[in-house]
Amino acid sequence: DIGDIIRGKDLYLRYNRKDKTDKLQEQLKKYFQKIYEELIKKKTNGEVKRRYEDKDTDKNYYKLREDWWTANRATIWEAITCSAEGFNYFRQTACNGGSPTKGKCRCEGANVDPPTYFDYVPQYPR
């Protein structure tokens, strides 16, 4: 899913898609390098360098990706689902005996939290 791709944890690599996936990861590296450079410009006390000190020689910025996803996942969730009223893509849930999520608009300030069960389930069981 999108979170796994952003965080660099996408497991869905079919043989004929590997080149596209590699290109996507290279592009994401460039984006996160720019984000990293902008953060360093804003924070001059070394805080950013300490937090995102990258021991990875490929400079994948995995920790920064993880933090970016945590900070932006609700906005991305809203962008994906705001116009999806009535769609059956997401499984219906009914917490505490409430009504299922189908048909609930996520743009009115209600039900705007992204479901967390997608983030912590390894990709292959989903």
Protein backbone atom coordinates (compact mmCIF):
# COMPACT_ATOMS: atom_id res chain seq x y z
CA ASP A 1 0.00 0.00 0.00
CA ILE A 2 1.00 3.65 -0.12
CA GLY A 3 2.44 3.67 3.40
CA ASP A 4 4.66 0.69 2.66
CA ILE A 5 5.88 2.28 -0.56
CA ILE A 6 6.69 5.58 1.15
CA ARG A 7 8.46 3.84 4.01
CA GLY A 8 10.39 1.59 1.61
CA LYS A 9 8.79 -1.63 2.87
CA ASP A 10 6.74 -2.64 -0.17
CA LEU A 11 6.87 -6.40 -0.66
CA TYR A 12 4.81 -6.57 -3.84
CA LEU A 13 7.63 -6.87 -6.35
CA ARG A 14 6.66 -8.93 -9.33
CA TYR A 15 9.39 -9.83 -11.78
CA ASN A 16 8.14 -7.60 -14.61
CA ARG A 17 7.56 -4.65 -12.25
CA LYS A 18 11.00 -4.56 -10.64
CA ASP A 19 12.34 -1.83 -12.95
CA LYS A 20 9.37 0.43 -12.23
CA THR A 21 9.70 -0.21 -8.51
CA ASP A 22 13.41 0.60 -8.61
CA LYS A 23 12.68 3.85 -10.44
CA LEU A 24 10.02 4.75 -7.89
CA GLN A 25 12.39 4.09 -4.98
CA GLU A 26 15.10 6.19 -6.64
CA GLN A 27 12.62 9.04 -7.06
CA LEU A 28 11.51 8.73 -3.43
CA LYS A 29 15.16 8.89 -2.33
CA LYS A 30 15.50 12.18 -4.22
CA TYR A 31 12.36 13.61 -2.62
CA PHE A 32 13.40 12.65 0.87
CA GLN A 33 16.93 13.93 0.29
CA LYS A 34 15.39 17.33 -0.53
CA ILE A 35 13.21 17.17 2.57
CA TYR A 36 16.27 16.26 4.64
CA GLU A 37 18.30 19.15 3.20
CA GLU A 38 15.48 21.61 3.93
CA LEU A 39 15.20 20.32 7.49
CA ILE A 40 18.94 20.80 8.02
CA LYS A 41 18.66 24.41 6.77
CA LYS A 42 15.86 25.13 9.26
CA LYS A 43 17.37 23.32 12.25
CA THR A 44 20.97 24.41 12.76
CA ASN A 45 21.56 22.91 16.20
CA GLY A 46 22.33 19.44 14.83
CA GLU A 47 19.03 17.95 16.00
CA VAL A 48 18.03 16.80 12.51
CA LYS A 49 21.43 15.29 11.76
CA ARG A 50 21.37 13.38 15.04
CA ARG A 51 17.83 12.09 14.50
CA TYR A 52 18.35 11.09 10.89
CA GLU A 53 21.98 10.09 11.00
CA ASP A 54 21.93 7.60 8.19
CA LYS A 55 24.13 4.56 8.65
CA ASP A 56 22.72 3.26 5.38
CA THR A 57 25.26 3.97 2.64
CA ASP A 58 22.48 4.01 0.02
CA LYS A 59 20.88 7.05 1.70
CA ASN A 60 17.35 5.67 1.71
CA TYR A 61 16.25 7.98 4.56
CA TYR A 62 14.08 5.24 6.08
CA LYS A 63 13.71 6.98 9.46
CA LEU A 64 12.72 10.25 7.77
CA ARG A 65 10.26 8.35 5.56
CA GLU A 66 8.73 6.74 8.65
CA ASP A 67 8.38 10.10 10.40
CA TRP A 68 6.99 11.76 7.27
CA TRP A 69 4.39 9.01 6.91
CA THR A 70 3.38 9.34 10.57
CA ALA A 71 2.99 13.10 10.18
CA ASN A 72 1.07 12.97 6.88
CA ARG A 73 -0.91 9.74 6.86
CA ALA A 74 -4.19 11.35 7.97
CA THR A 75 -3.98 13.92 5.17
CA ILE A 76 -3.22 11.22 2.62
CA TRP A 77 -6.06 9.07 3.98
CA GLU A 78 -8.47 11.99 3.58
CA ALA A 79 -7.26 12.66 0.04
CA ILE A 80 -7.75 9.02 -0.92
CA THR A 81 -11.15 8.50 0.69
CA CYS A 82 -12.81 11.93 0.64
CA SER A 83 -14.60 11.28 -2.64
CA ALA A 84 -14.96 7.56 -2.05
CA GLU A 85 -18.36 7.72 -0.37
CA GLY A 86 -20.29 4.54 -1.06
CA PHE A 87 -17.32 2.62 -2.43
CA ASN A 88 -16.63 -0.89 -1.19
CA TYR A 89 -12.84 -0.76 -1.38
CA PHE A 90 -12.32 -0.70 2.39
CA ARG A 91 -13.73 -3.45 4.51
CA GLN A 92 -16.82 -2.58 6.47
CA THR A 93 -16.21 -2.09 10.16
CA ALA A 94 -18.71 -1.63 12.92
CA CYS A 95 -16.99 -0.82 16.19
CA ASN A 96 -19.00 -1.06 19.38
CA GLY A 97 -22.12 -2.09 17.49
CA GLY A 98 -22.10 1.06 15.37
CA SER A 99 -22.87 1.27 11.70
CA PRO A 100 -20.40 0.10 9.06
CA THR A 101 -18.05 2.61 7.43
CA LYS A 102 -19.60 2.29 3.96
CA GLY A 103 -21.26 5.53 2.92
CA LYS A 104 -19.66 7.65 5.62
CA CYS A 105 -18.11 10.80 4.18
CA ARG A 106 -14.72 11.49 5.69
CA CYS A 107 -14.67 15.19 4.75
CA GLU A 108 -17.07 16.57 7.34
CA GLY A 109 -14.68 16.28 10.27
CA ALA A 110 -16.13 12.96 11.43
CA ASN A 111 -14.47 9.61 10.93
CA VAL A 112 -11.27 11.21 9.63
CA ASP A 113 -8.75 8.98 11.40
CA PRO A 114 -7.10 6.48 9.09
CA PRO A 115 -7.50 2.86 10.17
CA THR A 116 -4.37 1.81 12.00
CA TYR A 117 -4.83 -1.88 11.36
CA PHE A 118 -3.32 -1.41 7.87
CA ASP A 119 -0.03 0.01 9.19
CA TYR A 120 0.95 -2.73 11.56
CA VAL A 121 -0.10 -5.86 9.72
CA PRO A 122 2.72 -7.26 7.60
CA GLN A 123 1.93 -6.77 3.94
CA TYR A 124 1.69 -10.41 2.87
CA PRO A 125 -1.30 -11.30 5.16
CA ARG A 126 -3.38 -8.33 3.93
